[in-house]
């Protein structure tokens, strides 16, 4: 059984998010939560929240389908951070010109499996 959780439009670049997401790929879900708890980055909080949601989704699906599911058997099958929309802003520069500012955001997708 595979379950997923997606967090959309997180106001952080996908590049920064991928550094944390790569650390939990392939780990058991409980161990991945422990790893994220000690990573001192803002992106780790967003990934931890998404992982917690995926675990809750797995328990909810198990309850509805009458499957005996142990959260300790769940494993992070896939953890991906992809780019989302970019807000484009401009800041005044010298001699009447303007410089672009790109405020990036990303989507986080975590897929858990009990296999």
PDB file of N, CA and C in Angstrom:
ATOM      1  N   UNK A   1       0.834  -1.177   0.000  1.00  0.00           N
ATOM      2  CA  UNK A   1       0.000   0.000   0.000  1.00  0.00           C
ATOM      3  C   UNK A   1       0.882   1.246   0.000  1.00  0.00           C
ATOM      4  N   UNK A   2       0.601   2.141  -0.908  1.00  0.00           N
ATOM      5  CA  UNK A   2       1.349   3.391  -1.000  1.00  0.00           C
ATOM      6  C   UNK A   2       0.430   4.551  -0.651  1.00  0.00           C
ATOM      7  N   UNK A   3       0.956   5.471   0.131  1.00  0.00           N
ATOM      8  CA  UNK A   3       0.230   6.698   0.465  1.00  0.00           C
ATOM      9  C   UNK A   3       1.156   7.881   0.234  1.00  0.00           C
ATOM     10  N   UNK A   4       0.559   9.042   0.037  1.00  0.00           N
ATOM     11  CA  UNK A   4       1.386  10.214  -0.216  1.00  0.00           C
ATOM     12  C   UNK A   4       0.812  11.431   0.488  1.00  0.00           C
ATOM     13  N   UNK A   5       1.657  12.421   0.644  1.00  0.00           N
ATOM     14  CA  UNK A   5       1.255  13.726   1.155  1.00  0.00           C
ATOM     15  C   UNK A   5       1.993  14.776   0.337  1.00  0.00           C
ATOM     16  N   UNK A   6       1.293  15.847   0.009  1.00  0.00           N
ATOM     17  CA  UNK A   6       1.878  16.911  -0.797  1.00  0.00           C
ATOM     18  C   UNK A   6       1.648  18.240  -0.080  1.00  0.00           C
ATOM     19  N   UNK A   7       2.702  19.008   0.051  1.00  0.00           N
ATOM     20  CA  UNK A   7       2.602  20.369   0.556  1.00  0.00           C
ATOM     21  C   UNK A   7       2.942  21.292  -0.604  1.00  0.00           C
ATOM     22  N   UNK A   8       2.022  22.192  -0.914  1.00  0.00           N
ATOM     23  CA  UNK A   8       2.208  23.047  -2.083  1.00  0.00           C
ATOM     24  C   UNK A   8       2.551  24.477  -1.694  1.00  0.00           C
ATOM     25  N   UNK A   9       3.270  25.121  -2.578  1.00  0.00           N
ATOM     26  CA  UNK A   9       3.598  26.543  -2.477  1.00  0.00           C
ATOM     27  C   UNK A   9       4.290  26.920  -1.169  1.00  0.00           C
ATOM     28  N   UNK A  10       5.336  26.195  -0.831  1.00  0.00           N
ATOM     29  CA  UNK A  10       6.159  26.530   0.322  1.00  0.00           C
ATOM     30  C   UNK A  10       7.115  27.631  -0.110  1.00  0.00           C
ATOM     31  N   UNK A  11       7.180  28.725   0.654  1.00  0.00           N
ATOM     32  CA  UNK A  11       7.982  29.875   0.254  1.00  0.00           C
ATOM     33  C   UNK A  11       9.463  29.664   0.544  1.00  0.00           C
ATOM     34  N   UNK A  12      10.053  28.749  -0.198  1.00  0.00           N
ATOM     35  CA  UNK A  12      11.481  28.464  -0.105  1.00  0.00           C
ATOM     36  C   UNK A  12      11.885  27.834  -1.432  1.00  0.00           C
ATOM     37  N   UNK A  13      13.112  28.063  -1.835  1.00  0.00           N
ATOM     38  CA  UNK A  13      13.529  27.530  -3.121  1.00  0.00           C
ATOM     39  C   UNK A  13      13.629  26.007  -3.063  1.00  0.00           C
ATOM     40  N   UNK A  14      13.361  25.375  -4.190  1.00  0.00           N
ATOM     41  CA  UNK A  14      13.410  23.921  -4.273  1.00  0.00           C
ATOM     42  C   UNK A  14      14.831  23.405  -4.037  1.00  0.00           C
ATOM     43  N   UNK A  15      15.808  24.203  -4.413  1.00  0.00           N
ATOM     44  CA  UNK A  15      17.206  23.803  -4.235  1.00  0.00           C
ATOM     45  C   UNK A  15      17.535  23.631  -2.748  1.00  0.00           C
ATOM     46  N   UNK A  16      17.090  24.554  -1.912  1.00  0.00           N
ATOM     47  CA  UNK A  16      17.320  24.453  -0.472  1.00  0.00           C
ATOM     48  C   UNK A  16      16.540  23.293   0.129  1.00  0.00           C
ATOM     49  N   UNK A  17      15.345  23.063  -0.402  1.00  0.00           N
ATOM     50  CA  UNK A  17      14.502  21.996   0.122  1.00  0.00           C
ATOM     51  C   UNK A  17      15.062  20.629  -0.236  1.00  0.00           C
ATOM     52  N   UNK A  18      15.643  20.490  -1.427  1.00  0.00           N
ATOM     53  CA  UNK A  18      16.159  19.193  -1.876  1.00  0.00           C
ATOM     54  C   UNK A  18      17.284  18.684  -0.994  1.00  0.00           C
ATOM     55  N   UNK A  19      18.081  19.594  -0.420  1.00  0.00           N
ATOM     56  CA  UNK A  19      19.178  19.176   0.449  1.00  0.00           C
ATOM     57  C   UNK A  19      18.671  18.378   1.648  1.00  0.00           C
ATOM     58  N   UNK A  20      17.517  18.745   2.172  1.00  0.00           N
ATOM     59  CA  UNK A  20      16.943  18.043   3.315  1.00  0.00           C
ATOM     60  C   UNK A  20      16.183  16.801   2.855  1.00  0.00           C
ATOM     61  N   UNK A  21      15.454  16.917   1.757  1.00  0.00           N
ATOM     62  CA  UNK A  21      14.627  15.814   1.266  1.00  0.00           C
ATOM     63  C   UNK A  21      15.481  14.605   0.907  1.00  0.00           C
ATOM     64  N   UNK A  22      16.674  14.841   0.362  1.00  0.00           N
ATOM     65  CA  UNK A  22      17.555  13.736  -0.013  1.00  0.00           C
ATOM     66  C   UNK A  22      18.004  12.917   1.199  1.00  0.00           C
ATOM     67  N   UNK A  23      18.059  13.550   2.362  1.00  0.00           N
ATOM     68  CA  UNK A  23      18.540  12.862   3.560  1.00  0.00           C
ATOM     69  C   UNK A  23      17.583  11.788   4.055  1.00  0.00           C
ATOM     70  N   UNK A  24      16.285  11.885   3.709  1.00  0.00           N
ATOM     71  CA  UNK A  24      15.319  10.930   4.252  1.00  0.00           C
ATOM     72  C   UNK A  24      14.870   9.881   3.248  1.00  0.00           C
ATOM     73  N   UNK A  25      15.302   9.971   1.998  1.00  0.00           N
ATOM     74  CA  UNK A  25      14.863   8.991   1.011  1.00  0.00           C
ATOM     75  C   UNK A  25      15.332   7.600   1.389  1.00  0.00           C
ATOM     76  N   UNK A  26      14.398   6.639   1.358  1.00  0.00           N
ATOM     77  CA  UNK A  26      14.736   5.249   1.632  1.00  0.00           C
ATOM     78  C   UNK A  26      14.748   4.875   3.099  1.00  0.00           C
ATOM     79  N   UNK A  27      14.613   5.829   3.996  1.00  0.00           N
ATOM     80  CA  UNK A  27      14.645   5.534   5.425  1.00  0.00           C
ATOM     81  C   UNK A  27      13.269   5.062   5.911  1.00  0.00           C
ATOM     82  N   UNK A  28      13.235   4.307   7.005  1.00  0.00           N
ATOM     83  CA  UNK A  28      11.944   4.048   7.650  1.00  0.00           C
ATOM     84  C   UNK A  28      11.341   5.370   8.132  1.00  0.00           C
ATOM     85  N   UNK A  29      10.014   5.455   8.143  1.00  0.00           N
ATOM     86  CA  UNK A  29       9.339   6.720   8.445  1.00  0.00           C
ATOM     87  C   UNK A  29       9.682   7.234   9.841  1.00  0.00           C
ATOM     88  N   UNK A  30       9.751   6.356  10.818  1.00  0.00           N
ATOM     89  CA  UNK A  30      10.057   6.771  12.194  1.00  0.00           C
ATOM     90  C   UNK A  30      11.481   7.316  12.277  1.00  0.00           C
ATOM     91  N   UNK A  31      12.400   6.656  11.600  1.00  0.00           N
ATOM     92  CA  UNK A  31      13.793   7.113  11.594  1.00  0.00           C
ATOM     93  C   UNK A  31      13.916   8.439  10.841  1.00  0.00           C
ATOM     94  N   UNK A  32      13.146   8.605   9.771  1.00  0.00           N
ATOM     95  CA  UNK A  32      13.171   9.857   9.013  1.00  0.00           C
ATOM     96  C   UNK A  32      12.689  11.015   9.882  1.00  0.00           C
ATOM     97  N   UNK A  33      11.673  10.782  10.717  1.00  0.00           N
ATOM     98  CA  UNK A  33      11.203  11.823  11.633  1.00  0.00           C
ATOM     99  C   UNK A  33      12.295  12.202  12.618  1.00  0.00           C
ATOM    100  N   UNK A  34      13.034  11.210  13.110  1.00  0.00           N
ATOM    101  CA  UNK A  34      14.111  11.479  14.061  1.00  0.00           C
ATOM    102  C   UNK A  34      15.229  12.289  13.400  1.00  0.00           C
ATOM    103  N   UNK A  35      15.539  11.961  12.151  1.00  0.00           N
ATOM    104  CA  UNK A  35      16.581  12.698  11.424  1.00  0.00           C
ATOM    105  C   UNK A  35      16.156  14.152  11.225  1.00  0.00           C
ATOM    106  N   UNK A  36      14.899  14.356  10.829  1.00  0.00           N
ATOM    107  CA  UNK A  36      14.418  15.716  10.569  1.00  0.00           C
ATOM    108  C   UNK A  36      14.346  16.551  11.846  1.00  0.00           C
ATOM    109  N   UNK A  37      14.159  15.893  12.979  1.00  0.00           N
ATOM    110  CA  UNK A  37      14.061  16.619  14.246  1.00  0.00           C
ATOM    111  C   UNK A  37      15.380  17.277  14.636  1.00  0.00           C
ATOM    112  N   UNK A  38      16.498  16.725  14.170  1.00  0.00           N
ATOM    113  CA  UNK A  38      17.801  17.266  14.561  1.00  0.00           C
ATOM    114  C   UNK A  38      18.472  18.093  13.460  1.00  0.00           C
ATOM    115  N   UNK A  39      17.864  18.167  12.286  1.00  0.00           N
ATOM    116  CA  UNK A  39      18.441  18.976  11.206  1.00  0.00           C
ATOM    117  C   UNK A  39      18.104  20.447  11.468  1.00  0.00           C
ATOM    118  N   UNK A  40      19.127  21.310  11.612  1.00  0.00           N
ATOM    119  CA  UNK A  40      18.871  22.698  11.993  1.00  0.00           C
ATOM    120  C   UNK A  40      18.570  23.620  10.806  1.00  0.00           C
ATOM    121  N   UNK A  41      17.573  23.289  10.020  1.00  0.00           N
ATOM    122  CA  UNK A  41      17.229  24.106   8.861  1.00  0.00           C
ATOM    123  C   UNK A  41      15.726  24.350   8.839  1.00  0.00           C
ATOM    124  N   UNK A  42      15.350  25.482   8.281  1.00  0.00           N
ATOM    125  CA  UNK A  42      13.938  25.818   8.170  1.00  0.00           C
ATOM    126  C   UNK A  42      13.204  24.810   7.289  1.00  0.00           C
ATOM    127  N   UNK A  43      13.874  24.349   6.246  1.00  0.00           N
ATOM    128  CA  UNK A  43      13.245  23.403   5.322  1.00  0.00           C
ATOM    129  C   UNK A  43      12.932  22.074   6.001  1.00  0.00           C
ATOM    130  N   UNK A  44      13.688  21.699   7.026  1.00  0.00           N
ATOM    131  CA  UNK A  44      13.437  20.441   7.732  1.00  0.00           C
ATOM    132  C   UNK A  44      12.080  20.464   8.429  1.00  0.00           C
ATOM    133  N   UNK A  45      11.652  21.635   8.892  1.00  0.00           N
ATOM    134  CA  UNK A  45      10.339  21.740   9.545  1.00  0.00           C
ATOM    135  C   UNK A  45       9.208  21.482   8.551  1.00  0.00           C
ATOM    136  N   UNK A  46       9.335  22.022   7.332  1.00  0.00           N
ATOM    137  CA  UNK A  46       8.312  21.800   6.318  1.00  0.00           C
ATOM    138  C   UNK A  46       8.261  20.330   5.895  1.00  0.00           C
ATOM    139  N   UNK A  47       9.430  19.713   5.728  1.00  0.00           N
ATOM    140  CA  UNK A  47       9.487  18.302   5.328  1.00  0.00           C
ATOM    141  C   UNK A  47       8.932  17.423   6.449  1.00  0.00           C
ATOM    142  N   UNK A  48       9.243  17.744   7.702  1.00  0.00           N
ATOM    143  CA  UNK A  48       8.737  16.972   8.839  1.00  0.00           C
ATOM    144  C   UNK A  48       7.216  17.046   8.908  1.00  0.00           C
ATOM    145  N   UNK A  49       6.683  18.224   8.634  1.00  0.00           N
ATOM    146  CA  UNK A  49       5.234  18.394   8.657  1.00  0.00           C
ATOM    147  C   UNK A  49       4.568  17.571   7.560  1.00  0.00           C
ATOM    148  N   UNK A  50       5.174  17.546   6.382  1.00  0.00           N
ATOM    149  CA  UNK A  50       4.644  16.752   5.278  1.00  0.00           C
ATOM    150  C   UNK A  50       4.743  15.262   5.576  1.00  0.00           C
ATOM    151  N   UNK A  51       5.857  14.833   6.180  1.00  0.00           N
ATOM    152  CA  UNK A  51       6.032  13.429   6.545  1.00  0.00           C
ATOM    153  C   UNK A  51       5.000  13.005   7.587  1.00  0.00           C
ATOM    154  N   UNK A  52       4.752  13.859   8.559  1.00  0.00           N
ATOM    155  CA  UNK A  52       3.753  13.561   9.585  1.00  0.00           C
ATOM    156  C   UNK A  52       2.368  13.407   8.956  1.00  0.00           C
ATOM    157  N   UNK A  53       2.079  14.244   7.965  1.00  0.00           N
ATOM    158  CA  UNK A  53       0.804  14.162   7.260  1.00  0.00           C
ATOM    159  C   UNK A  53       0.700  12.861   6.463  1.00  0.00           C
ATOM    160  N   UNK A  54       1.799  12.433   5.847  1.00  0.00           N
ATOM    161  CA  UNK A  54       1.794  11.178   5.085  1.00  0.00           C
ATOM    162  C   UNK A  54       1.551   9.987   6.006  1.00  0.00           C
ATOM    163  N   UNK A  55       2.154  10.004   7.189  1.00  0.00           N
ATOM    164  CA  UNK A  55       1.945   8.916   8.152  1.00  0.00           C
ATOM    165  C   UNK A  55       0.482   8.893   8.602  1.00  0.00           C
ATOM    166  N   UNK A  56      -0.102  10.064   8.858  1.00  0.00           N
ATOM    167  CA  UNK A  56      -1.507  10.147   9.242  1.00  0.00           C
ATOM    168  C   UNK A  56      -2.410   9.655   8.115  1.00  0.00           C
ATOM    169  N   UNK A  57      -2.053   9.985   6.863  1.00  0.00           N
ATOM    170  CA  UNK A  57      -2.824   9.503   5.710  1.00  0.00           C
ATOM    171  C   UNK A  57      -2.783   7.982   5.631  1.00  0.00           C
ATOM    172  N   UNK A  58      -1.626   7.398   5.929  1.00  0.00           N
ATOM    173  CA  UNK A  58      -1.489   5.934   5.887  1.00  0.00           C
ATOM    174  C   UNK A  58      -2.364   5.287   6.953  1.00  0.00           C
ATOM    175  N   UNK A  59      -2.358   5.863   8.155  1.00  0.00           N
ATOM    176  CA  UNK A  59      -3.186   5.302   9.225  1.00  0.00           C
ATOM    177  C   UNK A  59      -4.666   5.446   8.909  1.00  0.00           C
ATOM    178  N   UNK A  60      -5.043   6.557   8.297  1.00  0.00           N
ATOM    179  CA  UNK A  60      -6.439   6.782   7.941  1.00  0.00           C
ATOM    180  C   UNK A  60      -6.897   5.813   6.861  1.00  0.00           C
ATOM    181  N   UNK A  61      -6.065   5.607   5.844  1.00  0.00           N
ATOM    182  CA  UNK A  61      -6.410   4.639   4.792  1.00  0.00           C
ATOM    183  C   UNK A  61      -6.512   3.232   5.352  1.00  0.00           C
ATOM    184  N   UNK A  62      -5.624   2.879   6.266  1.00  0.00           N
ATOM    185  CA  UNK A  62      -5.650   1.545   6.863  1.00  0.00           C
ATOM    186  C   UNK A  62      -6.938   1.341   7.651  1.00  0.00           C
ATOM    187  N   UNK A  63      -7.375   2.398   8.331  1.00  0.00           N
ATOM    188  CA  UNK A  63      -8.599   2.298   9.115  1.00  0.00           C
ATOM    189  C   UNK A  63      -9.810   2.098   8.215  1.00  0.00           C
ATOM    190  N   UNK A  64      -9.846   2.803   7.074  1.00  0.00           N
ATOM    191  CA  UNK A  64     -10.988   2.703   6.174  1.00  0.00           C
ATOM    192  C   UNK A  64     -11.014   1.388   5.402  1.00  0.00           C
ATOM    193  N   UNK A  65      -9.870   0.822   5.134  1.00  0.00           N
ATOM    194  CA  UNK A  65      -9.803  -0.423   4.354  1.00  0.00           C
ATOM    195  C   UNK A  65      -9.641  -1.656   5.243  1.00  0.00           C
ATOM    196  N   UNK A  66      -9.737  -1.466   6.565  1.00  0.00           N
ATOM    197  CA  UNK A  66      -9.591  -2.550   7.540  1.00  0.00           C
ATOM    198  C   UNK A  66      -8.291  -3.323   7.371  1.00  0.00           C
ATOM    199  N   UNK A  67      -7.203  -2.582   7.197  1.00  0.00           N
ATOM    200  CA  UNK A  67      -5.879  -3.182   7.085  1.00  0.00           C
ATOM    201  C   UNK A  67      -5.155  -2.928   8.397  1.00  0.00           C
ATOM    202  N   UNK A  68      -4.503  -3.957   8.902  1.00  0.00           N
ATOM    203  CA  UNK A  68      -3.722  -3.794  10.119  1.00  0.00           C
ATOM    204  C   UNK A  68      -2.371  -3.197   9.734  1.00  0.00           C
ATOM    205  N   UNK A  69      -2.166  -1.928  10.085  1.00  0.00           N
ATOM    206  CA  UNK A  69      -0.971  -1.208   9.661  1.00  0.00           C
ATOM    207  C   UNK A  69      -0.187  -0.742  10.876  1.00  0.00           C
ATOM    208  N   UNK A  70       1.097  -1.001  10.845  1.00  0.00           N
ATOM    209  CA  UNK A  70       1.984  -0.534  11.900  1.00  0.00           C
ATOM    210  C   UNK A  70       2.839   0.598  11.311  1.00  0.00           C
ATOM    211  N   UNK A  71       2.816   1.795  11.916  1.00  0.00           N
ATOM    212  CA  UNK A  71       3.598   2.907  11.361  1.00  0.00           C
ATOM    213  C   UNK A  71       5.101   2.622  11.318  1.00  0.00           C
ATOM    214  N   UNK A  72       5.575   1.685  12.130  1.00  0.00           N
ATOM    215  CA  UNK A  72       7.002   1.352  12.131  1.00  0.00           C
ATOM    216  C   UNK A  72       7.418   0.591  10.870  1.00  0.00           C
ATOM    217  N   UNK A  73       6.440   0.035  10.148  1.00  0.00           N
ATOM    218  CA  UNK A  73       6.742  -0.691   8.910  1.00  0.00           C
ATOM    219  C   UNK A  73       6.771   0.229   7.695  1.00  0.00           C
ATOM    220  N   UNK A  74       6.345   1.480   7.858  1.00  0.00           N
ATOM    221  CA  UNK A  74       6.321   2.408   6.728  1.00  0.00           C
ATOM    222  C   UNK A  74       7.727   2.864   6.369  1.00  0.00           C
ATOM    223  N   UNK A  75       7.952   3.016   5.081  1.00  0.00           N
ATOM    224  CA  UNK A  75       9.263   3.427   4.572  1.00  0.00           C
ATOM    225  C   UNK A  75       9.065   4.563   3.579  1.00  0.00           C
ATOM    226  N   UNK A  76       9.985   5.513   3.554  1.00  0.00           N
ATOM    227  CA  UNK A  76       9.915   6.627   2.611  1.00  0.00           C
ATOM    228  C   UNK A  76      10.344   6.108   1.241  1.00  0.00           C
ATOM    229  N   UNK A  77       9.369   5.918   0.381  1.00  0.00           N
ATOM    230  CA  UNK A  77       9.645   5.374  -0.945  1.00  0.00           C
ATOM    231  C   UNK A  77      10.168   6.472  -1.870  1.00  0.00           C
ATOM    232  N   UNK A  78       9.575   7.658  -1.753  1.00  0.00           N
ATOM    233  CA  UNK A  78       9.942   8.763  -2.631  1.00  0.00           C
ATOM    234  C   UNK A  78       9.768  10.070  -1.862  1.00  0.00           C
ATOM    235  N   UNK A  79      10.731  10.936  -1.963  1.00  0.00           N
ATOM    236  CA  UNK A  79      10.642  12.274  -1.365  1.00  0.00           C
ATOM    237  C   UNK A  79      11.202  13.252  -2.388  1.00  0.00           C
ATOM    238  N   UNK A  80      10.340  14.163  -2.851  1.00  0.00           N
ATOM    239  CA  UNK A  80      10.704  15.039  -3.958  1.00  0.00           C
ATOM    240  C   UNK A  80      10.343  16.478  -3.603  1.00  0.00           C
ATOM    241  N   UNK A  81      11.191  17.405  -3.996  1.00  0.00           N
ATOM    242  CA  UNK A  81      10.893  18.831  -3.898  1.00  0.00           C
ATOM    243  C   UNK A  81      10.998  19.421  -5.302  1.00  0.00           C
ATOM    244  N   UNK A  82       9.881  19.908  -5.819  1.00  0.00           N
ATOM    245  CA  UNK A  82       9.861  20.472  -7.160  1.00  0.00           C
ATOM    246  C   UNK A  82       9.543  21.953  -7.121  1.00  0.00           C
ATOM    247  N   UNK A  83       9.872  22.631  -8.186  1.00  0.00           N
ATOM    248  CA  UNK A  83       9.645  24.076  -8.230  1.00  0.00           C
ATOM    249  C   UNK A  83       8.161  24.392  -8.391  1.00  0.00           C
ATOM    250  N   UNK A  84       7.755  25.516  -7.829  1.00  0.00           N
ATOM    251  CA  UNK A  84       6.396  26.019  -7.964  1.00  0.00           C
ATOM    252  C   UNK A  84       6.481  27.405  -8.612  1.00  0.00           C
ATOM    253  N   UNK A  85       5.451  28.187  -8.461  1.00  0.00           N
ATOM    254  CA  UNK A  85       5.446  29.507  -9.072  1.00  0.00           C
ATOM    255  C   UNK A  85       6.493  30.412  -8.420  1.00  0.00           C
ATOM    256  N   UNK A  86       7.019  31.327  -9.195  1.00  0.00           N
ATOM    257  CA  UNK A  86       8.014  32.277  -8.715  1.00  0.00           C
ATOM    258  C   UNK A  86       7.409  33.675  -8.753  1.00  0.00           C
ATOM    259  N   UNK A  87       7.466  34.358  -7.622  1.00  0.00           N
ATOM    260  CA  UNK A  87       6.996  35.742  -7.571  1.00  0.00           C
ATOM    261  C   UNK A  87       8.115  36.641  -8.078  1.00  0.00           C
ATOM    262  N   UNK A  88       7.795  37.498  -9.004  1.00  0.00           N
ATOM    263  CA  UNK A  88       8.806  38.380  -9.581  1.00  0.00           C
ATOM    264  C   UNK A  88       8.605  39.790  -9.039  1.00  0.00           C
ATOM    265  N   UNK A  89       9.645  40.316  -8.423  1.00  0.00           N
ATOM    266  CA  UNK A  89       9.617  41.656  -7.857  1.00  0.00           C
ATOM    267  C   UNK A  89      10.810  42.429  -8.393  1.00  0.00           C
ATOM    268  N   UNK A  90      10.756  43.742  -8.249  1.00  0.00           N
ATOM    269  CA  UNK A  90      11.858  44.576  -8.719  1.00  0.00           C
ATOM    270  C   UNK A  90      12.295  45.526  -7.619  1.00  0.00           C
ATOM    271  N   UNK A  91      13.596  45.765  -7.547  1.00  0.00           N
ATOM    272  CA  UNK A  91      14.168  46.684  -6.574  1.00  0.00           C
ATOM    273  C   UNK A  91      14.859  47.814  -7.345  1.00  0.00           C
ATOM    274  N   UNK A  92      14.701  49.044  -6.902  1.00  0.00           N
ATOM    275  CA  UNK A  92      15.345  50.165  -7.603  1.00  0.00           C
ATOM    276  C   UNK A  92      16.863  50.056  -7.567  1.00  0.00           C
ATOM    277  N   UNK A  93      17.486  50.377  -8.672  1.00  0.00           N
ATOM    278  CA  UNK A  93      18.947  50.362  -8.773  1.00  0.00           C
ATOM    279  C   UNK A  93      19.434  51.758  -9.180  1.00  0.00           C
ATOM    280  N   UNK A  94      20.717  51.863  -9.356  1.00  0.00           N
ATOM    281  CA  UNK A  94      21.322  53.157  -9.686  1.00  0.00           C
ATOM    282  C   UNK A  94      20.895  53.642 -11.069  1.00  0.00           C
ATOM    283  N   UNK A  95      20.842  54.937 -11.215  1.00  0.00           N
ATOM    284  CA  UNK A  95      20.590  55.623 -12.478  1.00  0.00           C
ATOM    285  C   UNK A  95      19.242  55.250 -13.093  1.00  0.00           C
ATOM    286  N   UNK A  96      18.250  55.040 -12.236  1.00  0.00           N
ATOM    287  CA  UNK A  96      16.890  54.837 -12.720  1.00  0.00           C
ATOM    288  C   UNK A  96      16.568  53.456 -13.235  1.00  0.00           C
ATOM    289  N   UNK A  97      17.463  52.506 -13.062  1.00  0.00           N
ATOM    290  CA  UNK A  97      17.160  51.154 -13.542  1.00  0.00           C
ATOM    291  C   UNK A  97      16.541  50.328 -12.411  1.00  0.00           C
ATOM    292  N   UNK A  98      16.168  49.115 -12.729  1.00  0.00           N
ATOM    293  CA  UNK A  98      15.554  48.229 -11.743  1.00  0.00           C
ATOM    294  C   UNK A  98      16.187  46.843 -11.850  1.00  0.00           C
ATOM    295  N   UNK A  99      16.371  46.215 -10.703  1.00  0.00           N
ATOM    296  CA  UNK A  99      16.938  44.873 -10.675  1.00  0.00           C
ATOM    297  C   UNK A  99      15.886  43.867 -10.241  1.00  0.00           C
ATOM    298  N   UNK A 100      15.843  42.711 -10.904  1.00  0.00           N
ATOM    299  CA  UNK A 100      14.815  41.717 -10.566  1.00  0.00           C
ATOM    300  C   UNK A 100      15.130  40.981  -9.263  1.00  0.00           C
ATOM    301  N   UNK A 101      14.076  40.633  -8.542  1.00  0.00           N
ATOM    302  CA  UNK A 101      14.177  39.763  -7.371  1.00  0.00           C
ATOM    303  C   UNK A 101      13.211  38.617  -7.613  1.00  0.00           C
ATOM    304  N   UNK A 102      13.703  37.382  -7.527  1.00  0.00           N
ATOM    305  CA  UNK A 102      12.872  36.199  -7.737  1.00  0.00           C
ATOM    306  C   UNK A 102      12.605  35.538  -6.392  1.00  0.00           C
ATOM    307  N   UNK A 103      11.346  35.546  -5.979  1.00  0.00           N
ATOM    308  CA  UNK A 103      10.957  34.909  -4.716  1.00  0.00           C
ATOM    309  C   UNK A 103      10.413  33.533  -5.071  1.00  0.00           C
ATOM    310  N   UNK A 104      11.243  32.534  -4.881  1.00  0.00           N
ATOM    311  CA  UNK A 104      10.912  31.181  -5.332  1.00  0.00           C
ATOM    312  C   UNK A 104      10.087  30.431  -4.298  1.00  0.00           C
ATOM    313  N   UNK A 105       9.339  29.443  -4.788  1.00  0.00           N
ATOM    314  CA  UNK A 105       8.587  28.557  -3.908  1.00  0.00           C
ATOM    315  C   UNK A 105       8.638  27.149  -4.487  1.00  0.00           C
ATOM    316  N   UNK A 106       8.218  26.171  -3.683  1.00  0.00           N
ATOM    317  CA  UNK A 106       8.331  24.779  -4.123  1.00  0.00           C
ATOM    318  C   UNK A 106       7.178  23.941  -3.591  1.00  0.00           C
ATOM    319  N   UNK A 107       7.046  22.737  -4.140  1.00  0.00           N
ATOM    320  CA  UNK A 107       6.093  21.730  -3.688  1.00  0.00           C
ATOM    321  C   UNK A 107       6.896  20.578  -3.097  1.00  0.00           C
ATOM    322  N   UNK A 108       6.401  19.996  -1.999  1.00  0.00           N
ATOM    323  CA  UNK A 108       7.049  18.834  -1.386  1.00  0.00           C
ATOM    324  C   UNK A 108       6.106  17.648  -1.532  1.00  0.00           C
ATOM    325  N   UNK A 109       6.626  16.533  -2.016  1.00  0.00           N
ATOM    326  CA  UNK A 109       5.828  15.323  -2.162  1.00  0.00           C
ATOM    327  C   UNK A 109       6.565  14.176  -1.480  1.00  0.00           C
ATOM    328  N   UNK A 110       5.880  13.496  -0.570  1.00  0.00           N
ATOM    329  CA  UNK A 110       6.456  12.348   0.131  1.00  0.00           C
ATOM    330  C   UNK A 110       5.526  11.151  -0.072  1.00  0.00           C
ATOM    331  N   UNK A 111       6.099  10.042  -0.551  1.00  0.00           N
ATOM    332  CA  UNK A 111       5.337   8.807  -0.773  1.00  0.00           C
ATOM    333  C   UNK A 111       5.876   7.754   0.208  1.00  0.00           C
ATOM    334  N   UNK A 112       4.957   7.165   0.956  1.00  0.00           N
ATOM    335  CA  UNK A 112       5.318   6.103   1.910  1.00  0.00           C
ATOM    336  C   UNK A 112       4.786   4.777   1.412  1.00  0.00           C
ATOM    337  N   UNK A 113       5.498   3.700   1.746  1.00  0.00           N
ATOM    338  CA  UNK A 113       5.090   2.359   1.377  1.00  0.00           C
ATOM    339  C   UNK A 113       5.297   1.432   2.561  1.00  0.00           C
ATOM    340  N   UNK A 114       4.453   0.432   2.692  1.00  0.00           N
ATOM    341  CA  UNK A 114       4.601  -0.524   3.797  1.00  0.00           C
ATOM    342  C   UNK A 114       5.332  -1.785   3.364  1.00  0.00           C
ATOM    343  N   UNK A 115       5.904  -1.787   2.183  1.00  0.00           N
ATOM    344  CA  UNK A 115       6.613  -2.965   1.667  1.00  0.00           C
ATOM    345  C   UNK A 115       8.071  -2.932   2.018  1.00  0.00           C
TER     346      UNK A 115
END
